[in-house]
């Protein structure tokens, strides 16, 4: 007795191959994701290096600003002393 299941050999083959197709697609996806992850890790490392360099530059700039401020304060004091001396030497009085 031959009973028809209502499915052709081609349909059976297609159904049998479906898990293999999904597995291949999954492997491709995994490979793409691994590649993207490696690329991202490289970019993150480069950014960390850049950020470290920027931090160093900021610290140096802050130090330079403190030095410049100290020099300007010193120059201002020197100018005030010279101004007082010049006024005292010439007998002039300050106009104000």
Protein backbone atom coordinates (compact mmCIF):
# COMPACT_ATOMS: atom_id res chain seq x y z
CA UNK A 1 0.00 0.00 0.00
CA UNK A 2 1.45 3.17 -1.17
CA UNK A 3 0.31 6.27 0.72
CA UNK A 4 1.08 9.71 -0.56
CA UNK A 5 2.24 12.15 2.05
CA UNK A 6 1.52 15.10 -0.20
CA UNK A 7 5.14 16.21 -0.33
CA UNK A 8 7.59 15.89 -3.18
CA UNK A 9 11.19 14.76 -2.99
CA UNK A 10 12.27 18.30 -3.86
CA UNK A 11 10.33 19.70 -0.91
CA UNK A 12 11.90 17.07 1.35
CA UNK A 13 15.37 18.01 0.10
CA UNK A 14 14.68 21.70 0.64
CA UNK A 15 13.50 21.10 4.21
CA UNK A 16 16.50 18.90 4.91
CA UNK A 17 18.90 21.54 3.61
CA UNK A 18 17.31 24.41 5.55
CA UNK A 19 19.24 23.79 8.81
CA UNK A 20 22.52 23.66 6.88
CA UNK A 21 21.71 26.93 5.13
CA UNK A 22 20.93 28.56 8.48
CA UNK A 23 24.20 27.25 9.89
CA UNK A 24 26.23 28.67 6.98
CA UNK A 25 24.45 32.01 7.32
CA UNK A 26 25.13 31.98 11.05
CA UNK A 27 28.83 31.31 10.45
CA UNK A 28 29.02 34.18 7.97
CA UNK A 29 27.28 36.49 10.40
CA UNK A 30 29.62 35.41 13.20
CA UNK A 31 32.62 36.05 10.97
CA UNK A 32 31.38 39.54 10.03
CA UNK A 33 30.69 40.36 13.67
CA UNK A 34 34.15 39.15 14.74
CA UNK A 35 35.75 41.29 12.05
CA UNK A 36 33.71 44.33 13.08
CA UNK A 37 34.62 43.73 16.72
CA UNK A 38 38.35 43.63 15.88
CA UNK A 39 38.04 46.83 13.88
CA UNK A 40 36.17 48.53 16.71
CA UNK A 41 38.79 47.40 19.24
CA UNK A 42 41.50 48.96 17.07
CA UNK A 43 39.57 52.21 16.83
CA UNK A 44 39.01 52.29 20.59
CA UNK A 45 42.73 51.76 21.21
CA UNK A 46 43.55 54.61 18.83
CA UNK A 47 41.07 56.89 20.58
CA UNK A 48 42.53 56.02 23.99
CA UNK A 49 45.96 57.01 22.69
CA UNK A 50 44.56 60.27 21.30
CA UNK A 51 42.77 61.06 24.57
CA UNK A 52 45.95 60.39 26.51
CA UNK A 53 47.81 62.82 24.26
CA UNK A 54 45.13 65.47 24.72
CA UNK A 55 45.30 65.08 28.51
CA UNK A 56 49.06 65.61 28.37
CA UNK A 57 48.58 68.71 26.21
CA UNK A 58 45.95 70.13 28.59
CA UNK A 59 48.20 69.63 31.62
CA UNK A 60 51.11 71.32 29.79
CA UNK A 61 48.87 74.21 28.73
CA UNK A 62 47.65 74.69 32.30
CA UNK A 63 51.23 74.75 33.51
CA UNK A 64 52.18 77.25 30.81
CA UNK A 65 49.25 79.49 31.79
CA UNK A 66 50.31 79.47 35.45
CA UNK A 67 53.89 80.37 34.44
CA UNK A 68 52.66 83.15 32.15
CA UNK A 69 50.39 84.54 34.85
CA UNK A 70 53.28 84.57 37.33
CA UNK A 71 55.53 86.34 34.81
CA UNK A 72 52.86 88.95 34.08
CA UNK A 73 52.28 89.56 37.78
CA UNK A 74 56.03 90.00 38.25
CA UNK A 75 56.24 92.40 35.29
CA UNK A 76 53.31 94.40 36.63
CA UNK A 77 55.11 94.76 39.94
CA UNK A 78 58.30 95.82 38.14
CA UNK A 79 56.39 98.41 36.11
CA UNK A 80 54.73 99.81 39.23
CA UNK A 81 58.16 100.14 40.89
CA UNK A 82 59.61 101.87 37.81
CA UNK A 83 56.60 104.17 37.59
CA UNK A 84 57.06 105.21 41.22
CA UNK A 85 60.77 105.77 40.69
CA UNK A 86 60.25 107.80 37.53
CA UNK A 87 57.65 109.97 39.25
CA UNK A 88 59.90 110.52 42.25
CA UNK A 89 62.99 111.30 40.15
CA UNK A 90 61.47 113.96 37.97
CA UNK A 91 59.47 115.72 40.63
CA UNK A 92 56.32 115.22 38.57
CA UNK A 93 53.11 114.27 40.12
CA UNK A 94 50.78 111.74 38.69
CA UNK A 95 47.89 113.08 36.69
CA UNK A 96 44.71 111.42 37.69
